[in-house]
Amino acid sequence: MQTKNGCVLRIYAGEGDKHEGRPLFEWIVAQAHERQLSGATVYRGLMGFGPHTRVIHTFKIERLAEDLPITIEIVDSRDQVEDFLAFLERQGHTGLVATLQSVEILTFERRTSQ
C-alpha cells in the first residue's frame, strides 16, 4: 500500500444544471479526466436544497423528481485540485458550492496471480 497527501474537492450542484446544453456534472467529470486528475465520482442525492432553491428537491415513488442534488467528488494533490477549481471559476458558473478537504490517499497495488 502506498500513501500520499491529497485533497478531495466536493462540488454540489443540481441534476438539471447545464454547461452548453450538457449536464454540468458530466462536463465537470470529463474536464477532470481530460486534465488527468486522479479520480472523480458523481453521487445523486435523494433529497436536498441549496441557497437559491424555493423548494426541497426530493425523490418520491409517485413521481420521479427532476433536478435532484448532485455531488461530484474529485481526488488529487491540493495543487492539481486548486488548479482545477481556478479553471472552473474561469468558466463562469455561478451558484456552485464546493468544499476542499485534506486527505491521506491510500493506493493498493495489484497483485499478480501466480
PDB file of N, CA and C in Angstrom:
ATOM      1  N   MET A   1       0.844  -1.168   0.000  1.00  0.00           N
ATOM      2  CA  MET A   1       0.000   0.000   0.000  1.00  0.00           C
ATOM      3  C   MET A   1       0.895   1.238   0.000  1.00  0.00           C
ATOM      4  N   GLN A   2       0.525   2.195  -0.842  1.00  0.00           N
ATOM      5  CA  GLN A   2       1.242   3.466  -0.891  1.00  0.00           C
ATOM      6  C   GLN A   2       0.344   4.563  -0.324  1.00  0.00           C
ATOM      7  N   THR A   3       0.974   5.535   0.347  1.00  0.00           N
ATOM      8  CA  THR A   3       0.236   6.628   0.971  1.00  0.00           C
ATOM      9  C   THR A   3       0.816   7.950   0.511  1.00  0.00           C
ATOM     10  N   LYS A   4      -0.079   8.916   0.218  1.00  0.00           N
ATOM     11  CA  LYS A   4       0.372  10.276  -0.078  1.00  0.00           C
ATOM     12  C   LYS A   4      -0.693  11.257   0.368  1.00  0.00           C
ATOM     13  N   ASN A   5      -0.286  12.482   0.617  1.00  0.00           N
ATOM     14  CA  ASN A   5      -1.229  13.521   0.991  1.00  0.00           C
ATOM     15  C   ASN A   5      -1.960  14.008  -0.247  1.00  0.00           C
ATOM     16  N   GLY A   6      -3.220  14.316  -0.078  1.00  0.00           N
ATOM     17  CA  GLY A   6      -4.011  14.794  -1.199  1.00  0.00           C
ATOM     18  C   GLY A   6      -5.158  15.650  -0.745  1.00  0.00           C
ATOM     19  N   CYS A   7      -6.113  15.804  -1.624  1.00  0.00           N
ATOM     20  CA  CYS A   7      -7.231  16.694  -1.390  1.00  0.00           C
ATOM     21  C   CYS A   7      -8.469  16.130  -2.077  1.00  0.00           C
ATOM     22  N   VAL A   8      -9.617  16.282  -1.433  1.00  0.00           N
ATOM     23  CA  VAL A   8     -10.901  15.933  -2.045  1.00  0.00           C
ATOM     24  C   VAL A   8     -11.649  17.229  -2.293  1.00  0.00           C
ATOM     25  N   LEU A   9     -12.064  17.413  -3.526  1.00  0.00           N
ATOM     26  CA  LEU A   9     -12.916  18.527  -3.915  1.00  0.00           C
ATOM     27  C   LEU A   9     -14.320  17.974  -4.062  1.00  0.00           C
ATOM     28  N   ARG A  10     -15.276  18.560  -3.339  1.00  0.00           N
ATOM     29  CA  ARG A  10     -16.678  18.180  -3.495  1.00  0.00           C
ATOM     30  C   ARG A  10     -17.420  19.371  -4.069  1.00  0.00           C
ATOM     31  N   ILE A  11     -18.073  19.149  -5.188  1.00  0.00           N
ATOM     32  CA  ILE A  11     -18.847  20.194  -5.847  1.00  0.00           C
ATOM     33  C   ILE A  11     -20.316  19.803  -5.743  1.00  0.00           C
ATOM     34  N   TYR A  12     -21.118  20.726  -5.252  1.00  0.00           N
ATOM     35  CA  TYR A  12     -22.550  20.490  -5.075  1.00  0.00           C
ATOM     36  C   TYR A  12     -23.299  21.243  -6.167  1.00  0.00           C
ATOM     37  N   ALA A  13     -24.140  20.534  -6.882  1.00  0.00           N
ATOM     38  CA  ALA A  13     -24.881  21.129  -7.991  1.00  0.00           C
ATOM     39  C   ALA A  13     -26.244  20.456  -8.076  1.00  0.00           C
ATOM     40  N   GLY A  14     -27.019  20.898  -9.027  1.00  0.00           N
ATOM     41  CA  GLY A  14     -28.307  20.275  -9.288  1.00  0.00           C
ATOM     42  C   GLY A  14     -28.218  19.415 -10.529  1.00  0.00           C
ATOM     43  N   GLU A  15     -29.004  18.375 -10.561  1.00  0.00           N
ATOM     44  CA  GLU A  15     -29.006  17.462 -11.698  1.00  0.00           C
ATOM     45  C   GLU A  15     -29.374  18.192 -12.993  1.00  0.00           C
ATOM     46  N   GLY A  16     -30.171  19.235 -12.894  1.00  0.00           N
ATOM     47  CA  GLY A  16     -30.604  19.975 -14.071  1.00  0.00           C
ATOM     48  C   GLY A  16     -29.645  21.053 -14.527  1.00  0.00           C
ATOM     49  N   ASP A  17     -28.552  21.287 -13.785  1.00  0.00           N
ATOM     50  CA  ASP A  17     -27.576  22.304 -14.181  1.00  0.00           C
ATOM     51  C   ASP A  17     -26.876  21.877 -15.467  1.00  0.00           C
ATOM     52  N   LYS A  18     -26.664  22.835 -16.350  1.00  0.00           N
ATOM     53  CA  LYS A  18     -26.095  22.538 -17.672  1.00  0.00           C
ATOM     54  C   LYS A  18     -24.851  23.380 -17.957  1.00  0.00           C
ATOM     55  N   HIS A  19     -24.027  22.842 -18.848  1.00  0.00           N
ATOM     56  CA  HIS A  19     -22.904  23.570 -19.446  1.00  0.00           C
ATOM     57  C   HIS A  19     -23.041  23.383 -20.955  1.00  0.00           C
ATOM     58  N   GLU A  20     -23.414  24.439 -21.640  1.00  0.00           N
ATOM     59  CA  GLU A  20     -23.612  24.397 -23.093  1.00  0.00           C
ATOM     60  C   GLU A  20     -24.508  23.229 -23.506  1.00  0.00           C
ATOM     61  N   GLY A  21     -25.615  23.057 -22.791  1.00  0.00           N
ATOM     62  CA  GLY A  21     -26.599  22.038 -23.119  1.00  0.00           C
ATOM     63  C   GLY A  21     -26.309  20.650 -22.577  1.00  0.00           C
ATOM     64  N   ARG A  22     -25.143  20.436 -22.020  1.00  0.00           N
ATOM     65  CA  ARG A  22     -24.732  19.135 -21.488  1.00  0.00           C
ATOM     66  C   ARG A  22     -24.886  19.163 -19.966  1.00  0.00           C
ATOM     67  N   PRO A  23     -25.273  18.052 -19.330  1.00  0.00           N
ATOM     68  CA  PRO A  23     -25.336  18.060 -17.871  1.00  0.00           C
ATOM     69  C   PRO A  23     -24.004  18.526 -17.274  1.00  0.00           C
ATOM     70  N   LEU A  24     -24.085  19.464 -16.344  1.00  0.00           N
ATOM     71  CA  LEU A  24     -22.882  20.059 -15.765  1.00  0.00           C
ATOM     72  C   LEU A  24     -21.987  19.009 -15.122  1.00  0.00           C
ATOM     73  N   PHE A  25     -22.591  18.051 -14.404  1.00  0.00           N
ATOM     74  CA  PHE A  25     -21.761  17.047 -13.737  1.00  0.00           C
ATOM     75  C   PHE A  25     -20.970  16.218 -14.750  1.00  0.00           C
ATOM     76  N   GLU A  26     -21.565  15.906 -15.913  1.00  0.00           N
ATOM     77  CA  GLU A  26     -20.843  15.161 -16.952  1.00  0.00           C
ATOM     78  C   GLU A  26     -19.685  15.984 -17.493  1.00  0.00           C
ATOM     79  N   TRP A  27     -19.940  17.259 -17.728  1.00  0.00           N
ATOM     80  CA  TRP A  27     -18.897  18.141 -18.255  1.00  0.00           C
ATOM     81  C   TRP A  27     -17.747  18.275 -17.256  1.00  0.00           C
ATOM     82  N   ILE A  28     -18.061  18.434 -15.962  1.00  0.00           N
ATOM     83  CA  ILE A  28     -17.009  18.570 -14.944  1.00  0.00           C
ATOM     84  C   ILE A  28     -16.152  17.316 -14.888  1.00  0.00           C
ATOM     85  N   VAL A  29     -16.773  16.135 -14.883  1.00  0.00           N
ATOM     86  CA  VAL A  29     -16.005  14.886 -14.836  1.00  0.00           C
ATOM     87  C   VAL A  29     -15.153  14.736 -16.091  1.00  0.00           C
ATOM     88  N   ALA A  30     -15.700  15.083 -17.248  1.00  0.00           N
ATOM     89  CA  ALA A  30     -14.928  15.000 -18.499  1.00  0.00           C
ATOM     90  C   ALA A  30     -13.727  15.944 -18.450  1.00  0.00           C
ATOM     91  N   GLN A  31     -13.914  17.136 -17.899  1.00  0.00           N
ATOM     92  CA  GLN A  31     -12.804  18.086 -17.786  1.00  0.00           C
ATOM     93  C   GLN A  31     -11.749  17.580 -16.805  1.00  0.00           C
ATOM     94  N   ALA A  32     -12.172  16.986 -15.703  1.00  0.00           N
ATOM     95  CA  ALA A  32     -11.224  16.421 -14.734  1.00  0.00           C
ATOM     96  C   ALA A  32     -10.433  15.276 -15.373  1.00  0.00           C
ATOM     97  N   HIS A  33     -11.107  14.450 -16.153  1.00  0.00           N
ATOM     98  CA  HIS A  33     -10.442  13.340 -16.841  1.00  0.00           C
ATOM     99  C   HIS A  33      -9.448  13.860 -17.873  1.00  0.00           C
ATOM    100  N   GLU A  34      -9.879  14.862 -18.642  1.00  0.00           N
ATOM    101  CA  GLU A  34      -9.010  15.441 -19.668  1.00  0.00           C
ATOM    102  C   GLU A  34      -7.744  16.029 -19.050  1.00  0.00           C
ATOM    103  N   ARG A  35      -7.873  16.585 -17.852  1.00  0.00           N
ATOM    104  CA  ARG A  35      -6.727  17.180 -17.158  1.00  0.00           C
ATOM    105  C   ARG A  35      -5.965  16.161 -16.312  1.00  0.00           C
ATOM    106  N   GLN A  36      -6.351  14.898 -16.430  1.00  0.00           N
ATOM    107  CA  GLN A  36      -5.678  13.763 -15.800  1.00  0.00           C
ATOM    108  C   GLN A  36      -5.630  13.848 -14.283  1.00  0.00           C
ATOM    109  N   LEU A  37      -6.726  14.327 -13.678  1.00  0.00           N
ATOM    110  CA  LEU A  37      -6.810  14.268 -12.233  1.00  0.00           C
ATOM    111  C   LEU A  37      -6.956  12.808 -11.824  1.00  0.00           C
ATOM    112  N   SER A  38      -6.632  12.500 -10.579  1.00  0.00           N
ATOM    113  CA  SER A  38      -6.549  11.097 -10.147  1.00  0.00           C
ATOM    114  C   SER A  38      -7.864  10.346 -10.205  1.00  0.00           C
ATOM    115  N   GLY A  39      -8.979  11.004  -9.885  1.00  0.00           N
ATOM    116  CA  GLY A  39     -10.245  10.288  -9.912  1.00  0.00           C
ATOM    117  C   GLY A  39     -11.423  11.206  -9.652  1.00  0.00           C
ATOM    118  N   ALA A  40     -12.588  10.802 -10.127  1.00  0.00           N
ATOM    119  CA  ALA A  40     -13.819  11.559  -9.915  1.00  0.00           C
ATOM    120  C   ALA A  40     -14.989  10.587  -9.819  1.00  0.00           C
ATOM    121  N   THR A  41     -15.946  10.928  -8.971  1.00  0.00           N
ATOM    122  CA  THR A  41     -17.157  10.137  -8.801  1.00  0.00           C
ATOM    123  C   THR A  41     -18.327  11.088  -8.646  1.00  0.00           C
ATOM    124  N   VAL A  42     -19.470  10.735  -9.214  1.00  0.00           N
ATOM    125  CA  VAL A  42     -20.689  11.542  -9.100  1.00  0.00           C
ATOM    126  C   VAL A  42     -21.698  10.767  -8.263  1.00  0.00           C
ATOM    127  N   TYR A  43     -22.288  11.457  -7.292  1.00  0.00           N
ATOM    128  CA  TYR A  43     -23.322  10.879  -6.445  1.00  0.00           C
ATOM    129  C   TYR A  43     -24.625  11.648  -6.675  1.00  0.00           C
ATOM    130  N   ARG A  44     -25.708  10.911  -6.795  1.00  0.00           N
ATOM    131  CA  ARG A  44     -27.023  11.519  -6.952  1.00  0.00           C
ATOM    132  C   ARG A  44     -27.735  11.443  -5.608  1.00  0.00           C
ATOM    133  N   GLY A  45     -28.168  12.586  -5.124  1.00  0.00           N
ATOM    134  CA  GLY A  45     -28.836  12.641  -3.833  1.00  0.00           C
ATOM    135  C   GLY A  45     -30.314  12.304  -3.923  1.00  0.00           C
ATOM    136  N   LEU A  46     -30.862  11.881  -2.813  1.00  0.00           N
ATOM    137  CA  LEU A  46     -32.284  11.583  -2.738  1.00  0.00           C
ATOM    138  C   LEU A  46     -33.102  12.804  -2.345  1.00  0.00           C
ATOM    139  N   MET A  47     -32.434  13.755  -1.680  1.00  0.00           N
ATOM    140  CA  MET A  47     -33.151  14.923  -1.206  1.00  0.00           C
ATOM    141  C   MET A  47     -32.153  16.021  -0.920  1.00  0.00           C
ATOM    142  N   GLY A  48     -32.534  17.263  -1.162  1.00  0.00           N
ATOM    143  CA  GLY A  48     -31.646  18.360  -0.824  1.00  0.00           C
ATOM    144  C   GLY A  48     -32.184  19.698  -1.280  1.00  0.00           C
ATOM    145  N   PHE A  49     -31.478  20.738  -0.870  1.00  0.00           N
ATOM    146  CA  PHE A  49     -31.794  22.094  -1.295  1.00  0.00           C
ATOM    147  C   PHE A  49     -30.521  22.908  -1.226  1.00  0.00           C
ATOM    148  N   GLY A  50     -30.524  24.020  -1.921  1.00  0.00           N
ATOM    149  CA  GLY A  50     -29.373  24.920  -1.924  1.00  0.00           C
ATOM    150  C   GLY A  50     -29.812  26.310  -1.535  1.00  0.00           C
ATOM    151  N   PRO A  51     -28.869  27.248  -1.544  1.00  0.00           N
ATOM    152  CA  PRO A  51     -29.177  28.592  -1.072  1.00  0.00           C
ATOM    153  C   PRO A  51     -30.185  29.340  -1.940  1.00  0.00           C
ATOM    154  N   HIS A  52     -30.371  28.929  -3.185  1.00  0.00           N
ATOM    155  CA  HIS A  52     -31.263  29.664  -4.083  1.00  0.00           C
ATOM    156  C   HIS A  52     -32.505  28.867  -4.484  1.00  0.00           C
ATOM    157  N   THR A  53     -32.753  27.741  -3.811  1.00  0.00           N
ATOM    158  CA  THR A  53     -33.932  26.948  -4.165  1.00  0.00           C
ATOM    159  C   THR A  53     -35.115  27.371  -3.327  1.00  0.00           C
ATOM    160  N   ARG A  54     -36.270  27.309  -3.928  1.00  0.00           N
ATOM    161  CA  ARG A  54     -37.506  27.670  -3.215  1.00  0.00           C
ATOM    162  C   ARG A  54     -38.209  26.432  -2.671  1.00  0.00           C
ATOM    163  N   VAL A  55     -37.845  25.267  -3.169  1.00  0.00           N
ATOM    164  CA  VAL A  55     -38.460  24.020  -2.706  1.00  0.00           C
ATOM    165  C   VAL A  55     -37.365  23.012  -2.403  1.00  0.00           C
ATOM    166  N   ILE A  56     -37.704  22.022  -1.602  1.00  0.00           N
ATOM    167  CA  ILE A  56     -36.784  20.917  -1.346  1.00  0.00           C
ATOM    168  C   ILE A  56     -36.962  19.920  -2.490  1.00  0.00           C
ATOM    169  N   HIS A  57     -35.874  19.595  -3.154  1.00  0.00           N
ATOM    170  CA  HIS A  57     -35.914  18.613  -4.230  1.00  0.00           C
ATOM    171  C   HIS A  57     -35.814  17.228  -3.598  1.00  0.00           C
ATOM    172  N   THR A  58     -36.730  16.354  -3.981  1.00  0.00           N
ATOM    173  CA  THR A  58     -36.762  15.029  -3.374  1.00  0.00           C
ATOM    174  C   THR A  58     -37.199  13.985  -4.388  1.00  0.00           C
ATOM    175  N   PHE A  59     -36.809  12.748  -4.135  1.00  0.00           N
ATOM    176  CA  PHE A  59     -37.235  11.614  -4.950  1.00  0.00           C
ATOM    177  C   PHE A  59     -38.451  11.006  -4.271  1.00  0.00           C
ATOM    178  N   LYS A  60     -39.529  10.902  -4.997  1.00  0.00           N
ATOM    179  CA  LYS A  60     -40.753  10.291  -4.479  1.00  0.00           C
ATOM    180  C   LYS A  60     -41.143   9.160  -5.427  1.00  0.00           C
ATOM    181  N   ILE A  61     -41.657   8.092  -4.878  1.00  0.00           N
ATOM    182  CA  ILE A  61     -42.076   6.957  -5.692  1.00  0.00           C
ATOM    183  C   ILE A  61     -43.149   7.383  -6.694  1.00  0.00           C
ATOM    184  N   GLU A  62     -44.095   8.220  -6.244  1.00  0.00           N
ATOM    185  CA  GLU A  62     -45.198   8.577  -7.129  1.00  0.00           C
ATOM    186  C   GLU A  62     -44.791   9.489  -8.272  1.00  0.00           C
ATOM    187  N   ARG A  63     -43.626  10.114  -8.187  1.00  0.00           N
ATOM    188  CA  ARG A  63     -43.139  10.910  -9.309  1.00  0.00           C
ATOM    189  C   ARG A  63     -41.620  10.922  -9.267  1.00  0.00           C
ATOM    190  N   LEU A  64     -41.033  10.914 -10.423  1.00  0.00           N
ATOM    191  CA  LEU A  64     -39.584  10.994 -10.484  1.00  0.00           C
ATOM    192  C   LEU A  64     -39.209  12.459 -10.430  1.00  0.00           C
ATOM    193  N   ALA A  65     -38.469  12.831  -9.418  1.00  0.00           N
ATOM    194  CA  ALA A  65     -38.086  14.223  -9.242  1.00  0.00           C
ATOM    195  C   ALA A  65     -37.077  14.629 -10.300  1.00  0.00           C
ATOM    196  N   GLU A  66     -37.163  15.865 -10.699  1.00  0.00           N
ATOM    197  CA  GLU A  66     -36.172  16.442 -11.593  1.00  0.00           C
ATOM    198  C   GLU A  66     -35.275  17.342 -10.770  1.00  0.00           C
ATOM    199  N   ASP A  67     -34.077  17.529 -11.228  1.00  0.00           N
ATOM    200  CA  ASP A  67     -33.116  18.413 -10.580  1.00  0.00           C
ATOM    201  C   ASP A  67     -32.772  17.981  -9.158  1.00  0.00           C
ATOM    202  N   LEU A  68     -32.537  16.692  -8.979  1.00  0.00           N
ATOM    203  CA  LEU A  68     -32.088  16.201  -7.681  1.00  0.00           C
ATOM    204  C   LEU A  68     -30.671  16.706  -7.413  1.00  0.00           C
ATOM    205  N   PRO A  69     -30.267  16.721  -6.138  1.00  0.00           N
ATOM    206  CA  PRO A  69     -28.918  17.183  -5.831  1.00  0.00           C
ATOM    207  C   PRO A  69     -27.860  16.212  -6.355  1.00  0.00           C
ATOM    208  N   ILE A  70     -26.754  16.776  -6.799  1.00  0.00           N
ATOM    209  CA  ILE A  70     -25.617  16.012  -7.310  1.00  0.00           C
ATOM    210  C   ILE A  70     -24.375  16.448  -6.540  1.00  0.00           C
ATOM    211  N   THR A  71     -23.557  15.487  -6.148  1.00  0.00           N
ATOM    212  CA  THR A  71     -22.252  15.773  -5.559  1.00  0.00           C
ATOM    213  C   THR A  71     -21.201  15.137  -6.453  1.00  0.00           C
ATOM    214  N   ILE A  72     -20.210  15.929  -6.827  1.00  0.00           N
ATOM    215  CA  ILE A  72     -19.097  15.444  -7.637  1.00  0.00           C
ATOM    216  C   ILE A  72     -17.866  15.467  -6.741  1.00  0.00           C
ATOM    217  N   GLU A  73     -17.230  14.326  -6.557  1.00  0.00           N
ATOM    218  CA  GLU A  73     -16.003  14.261  -5.768  1.00  0.00           C
ATOM    219  C   GLU A  73     -14.824  14.034  -6.693  1.00  0.00           C
ATOM    220  N   ILE A  74     -13.799  14.835  -6.495  1.00  0.00           N
ATOM    221  CA  ILE A  74     -12.569  14.732  -7.291  1.00  0.00           C
ATOM    222  C   ILE A  74     -11.401  14.641  -6.317  1.00  0.00           C
ATOM    223  N   VAL A  75     -10.499  13.699  -6.570  1.00  0.00           N
ATOM    224  CA  VAL A  75      -9.363  13.466  -5.687  1.00  0.00           C
ATOM    225  C   VAL A  75      -8.062  13.663  -6.453  1.00  0.00           C
ATOM    226  N   ASP A  76      -7.152  14.397  -5.850  1.00  0.00           N
ATOM    227  CA  ASP A  76      -5.803  14.560  -6.403  1.00  0.00           C
ATOM    228  C   ASP A  76      -4.979  15.342  -5.385  1.00  0.00           C
ATOM    229  N   SER A  77      -3.806  15.790  -5.803  1.00  0.00           N
ATOM    230  CA  SER A  77      -2.993  16.639  -4.928  1.00  0.00           C
ATOM    231  C   SER A  77      -3.687  17.991  -4.772  1.00  0.00           C
ATOM    232  N   ARG A  78      -3.380  18.694  -3.713  1.00  0.00           N
ATOM    233  CA  ARG A  78      -4.008  20.005  -3.483  1.00  0.00           C
ATOM    234  C   ARG A  78      -3.701  20.951  -4.648  1.00  0.00           C
ATOM    235  N   ASP A  79      -2.480  20.946  -5.146  1.00  0.00           N
ATOM    236  CA  ASP A  79      -2.132  21.830  -6.268  1.00  0.00           C
ATOM    237  C   ASP A  79      -2.986  21.544  -7.499  1.00  0.00           C
ATOM    238  N   GLN A  80      -3.139  20.269  -7.837  1.00  0.00           N
ATOM    239  CA  GLN A  80      -3.942  19.894  -9.005  1.00  0.00           C
ATOM    240  C   GLN A  80      -5.403  20.295  -8.822  1.00  0.00           C
ATOM    241  N   VAL A  81      -5.929  20.061  -7.626  1.00  0.00           N
ATOM    242  CA  VAL A  81      -7.330  20.389  -7.343  1.00  0.00           C
ATOM    243  C   VAL A  81      -7.542  21.897  -7.382  1.00  0.00           C
ATOM    244  N   GLU A  82      -6.620  22.657  -6.810  1.00  0.00           N
ATOM    245  CA  GLU A  82      -6.762  24.117  -6.833  1.00  0.00           C
ATOM    246  C   GLU A  82      -6.659  24.666  -8.254  1.00  0.00           C
ATOM    247  N   ASP A  83      -5.780  24.090  -9.082  1.00  0.00           N
ATOM    248  CA  ASP A  83      -5.713  24.488 -10.499  1.00  0.00           C
ATOM    249  C   ASP A  83      -7.038  24.201 -11.203  1.00  0.00           C
ATOM    250  N   PHE A  84      -7.639  23.047 -10.891  1.00  0.00           N
ATOM    251  CA  PHE A  84      -8.910  22.683 -11.498  1.00  0.00           C
ATOM    252  C   PHE A  84     -10.022  23.632 -11.045  1.00  0.00           C
ATOM    253  N   LEU A  85     -10.017  23.990  -9.781  1.00  0.00           N
ATOM    254  CA  LEU A  85     -11.002  24.959  -9.277  1.00  0.00           C
ATOM    255  C   LEU A  85     -10.870  26.300  -9.995  1.00  0.00           C
ATOM    256  N   ALA A  86      -9.643  26.744 -10.208  1.00  0.00           N
ATOM    257  CA  ALA A  86      -9.413  28.004 -10.925  1.00  0.00           C
ATOM    258  C   ALA A  86      -9.950  27.908 -12.353  1.00  0.00           C
ATOM    259  N   PHE A  87      -9.748  26.759 -12.992  1.00  0.00           N
ATOM    260  CA  PHE A  87     -10.294  26.545 -14.332  1.00  0.00           C
ATOM    261  C   PHE A  87     -11.818  26.647 -14.313  1.00  0.00           C
ATOM    262  N   LEU A  88     -12.462  25.974 -13.363  1.00  0.00           N
ATOM    263  CA  LEU A  88     -13.924  26.028 -13.268  1.00  0.00           C
ATOM    264  C   LEU A  88     -14.413  27.455 -13.051  1.00  0.00           C
ATOM    265  N   GLU A  89     -13.705  28.193 -12.221  1.00  0.00           N
ATOM    266  CA  GLU A  89     -14.104  29.581 -11.952  1.00  0.00           C
ATOM    267  C   GLU A  89     -14.037  30.427 -13.222  1.00  0.00           C
ATOM    268  N   ARG A  90     -13.029  30.190 -14.045  1.00  0.00           N
ATOM    269  CA  ARG A  90     -12.899  30.947 -15.300  1.00  0.00           C
ATOM    270  C   ARG A  90     -14.029  30.639 -16.277  1.00  0.00           C
ATOM    271  N   GLN A  91     -14.701  29.496 -16.099  1.00  0.00           N
ATOM    272  CA  GLN A  91     -15.800  29.123 -16.986  1.00  0.00           C
ATOM    273  C   GLN A  91     -17.081  29.892 -16.677  1.00  0.00           C
ATOM    274  N   GLY A  92     -17.111  30.586 -15.546  1.00  0.00           N
ATOM    275  CA  GLY A  92     -18.222  31.474 -15.231  1.00  0.00           C
ATOM    276  C   GLY A  92     -19.459  30.830 -14.657  1.00  0.00           C
ATOM    277  N   HIS A  93     -19.354  29.635 -14.102  1.00  0.00           N
ATOM    278  CA  HIS A  93     -20.534  29.017 -13.495  1.00  0.00           C
ATOM    279  C   HIS A  93     -20.830  29.688 -12.162  1.00  0.00           C
ATOM    280  N   THR A  94     -22.066  30.137 -12.017  1.00  0.00           N
ATOM    281  CA  THR A  94     -22.473  30.771 -10.765  1.00  0.00           C
ATOM    282  C   THR A  94     -23.368  29.809  -9.995  1.00  0.00           C
ATOM    283  N   GLY A  95     -23.393  29.969  -8.705  1.00  0.00           N
ATOM    284  CA  GLY A  95     -24.272  29.157  -7.872  1.00  0.00           C
ATOM    285  C   GLY A  95     -23.685  27.834  -7.428  1.00  0.00           C
ATOM    286  N   LEU A  96     -22.507  27.486  -7.913  1.00  0.00           N
ATOM    287  CA  LEU A  96     -21.884  26.245  -7.452  1.00  0.00           C
ATOM    288  C   LEU A  96     -21.335  26.447  -6.048  1.00  0.00           C
ATOM    289  N   VAL A  97     -21.407  25.410  -5.253  1.00  0.00           N
ATOM    290  CA  VAL A  97     -20.806  25.397  -3.932  1.00  0.00           C
ATOM    291  C   VAL A  97     -19.823  24.241  -3.913  1.00  0.00           C
ATOM    292  N   ALA A  98     -18.650  24.464  -3.338  1.00  0.00           N
ATOM    293  CA  ALA A  98     -17.633  23.411  -3.294  1.00  0.00           C
ATOM    294  C   ALA A  98     -16.962  23.414  -1.931  1.00  0.00           C
ATOM    295  N   THR A  99     -16.440  22.262  -1.551  1.00  0.00           N
ATOM    296  CA  THR A  99     -15.641  22.153  -0.337  1.00  0.00           C
ATOM    297  C   THR A  99     -14.329  21.464  -0.686  1.00  0.00           C
ATOM    298  N   LEU A 100     -13.300  21.780   0.080  1.00  0.00           N
ATOM    299  CA  LEU A 100     -11.987  21.137  -0.043  1.00  0.00           C
ATOM    300  C   LEU A 100     -11.668  20.474   1.282  1.00  0.00           C
ATOM    301  N   GLN A 101     -11.132  19.286   1.203  1.00  0.00           N
ATOM    302  CA  GLN A 101     -10.754  18.572   2.413  1.00  0.00           C
ATOM    303  C   GLN A 101      -9.417  17.892   2.186  1.00  0.00           C
ATOM    304  N   SER A 102      -8.480  18.117   3.092  1.00  0.00           N
ATOM    305  CA  SER A 102      -7.201  17.419   3.024  1.00  0.00           C
ATOM    306  C   SER A 102      -7.426  15.972   3.430  1.00  0.00           C
ATOM    307  N   VAL A 103      -6.833  15.069   2.671  1.00  0.00           N
ATOM    308  CA  VAL A 103      -6.996  13.638   2.940  1.00  0.00           C
ATOM    309  C   VAL A 103      -5.670  12.926   2.757  1.00  0.00           C
ATOM    310  N   GLU A 104      -5.604  11.730   3.275  1.00  0.00           N
ATOM    311  CA  GLU A 104      -4.487  10.839   3.035  1.00  0.00           C
ATOM    312  C   GLU A 104      -4.966   9.840   1.995  1.00  0.00           C
ATOM    313  N   ILE A 105      -4.305   9.785   0.856  1.00  0.00           N
ATOM    314  CA  ILE A 105      -4.711   8.908  -0.239  1.00  0.00           C
ATOM    315  C   ILE A 105      -3.950   7.599  -0.128  1.00  0.00           C
ATOM    316  N   LEU A 106      -4.683   6.507  -0.076  1.00  0.00           N
ATOM    317  CA  LEU A 106      -4.091   5.177   0.006  1.00  0.00           C
ATOM    318  C   LEU A 106      -4.314   4.483  -1.327  1.00  0.00           C
ATOM    319  N   THR A 107      -3.262   3.954  -1.890  1.00  0.00           N
ATOM    320  CA  THR A 107      -3.407   3.181  -3.127  1.00  0.00           C
ATOM    321  C   THR A 107      -2.888   1.770  -2.868  1.00  0.00           C
ATOM    322  N   PHE A 108      -3.678   0.813  -3.298  1.00  0.00           N
ATOM    323  CA  PHE A 108      -3.331  -0.587  -3.105  1.00  0.00           C
ATOM    324  C   PHE A 108      -2.830  -1.130  -4.434  1.00  0.00           C
ATOM    325  N   GLU A 109      -1.662  -1.717  -4.416  1.00  0.00           N
ATOM    326  CA  GLU A 109      -1.082  -2.262  -5.631  1.00  0.00           C
ATOM    327  C   GLU A 109      -1.753  -3.586  -5.979  1.00  0.00           C
ATOM    328  N   ARG A 110      -1.895  -3.817  -7.268  1.00  0.00           N
ATOM    329  CA  ARG A 110      -2.472  -5.077  -7.722  1.00  0.00           C
ATOM    330  C   ARG A 110      -1.447  -6.176  -7.590  1.00  0.00           C
ATOM    331  N   ARG A 111      -1.930  -7.296  -7.140  1.00  0.00           N
ATOM    332  CA  ARG A 111      -1.051  -8.466  -7.045  1.00  0.00           C
ATOM    333  C   ARG A 111      -1.210  -9.286  -8.313  1.00  0.00           C
ATOM    334  N   THR A 112      -0.126  -9.783  -8.807  1.00  0.00           N
ATOM    335  CA  THR A 112      -0.203 -10.646  -9.978  1.00  0.00           C
ATOM    336  C   THR A 112      -0.453 -12.067  -9.488  1.00  0.00           C
ATOM    337  N   SER A 113      -1.306 -12.791 -10.185  1.00  0.00           N
ATOM    338  CA  SER A 113      -1.599 -14.163  -9.781  1.00  0.00           C
ATOM    339  C   SER A 113      -0.422 -15.065 -10.145  1.00  0.00           C
ATOM    340  N   GLN A 114      -0.178 -16.044  -9.319  1.00  0.00           N
ATOM    341  CA  GLN A 114       0.960 -16.953  -9.547  1.00  0.00           C
ATOM    342  C   GLN A 114       0.485 -18.310  -9.969  1.00  0.00           C
TER     343      GLN A 114
END
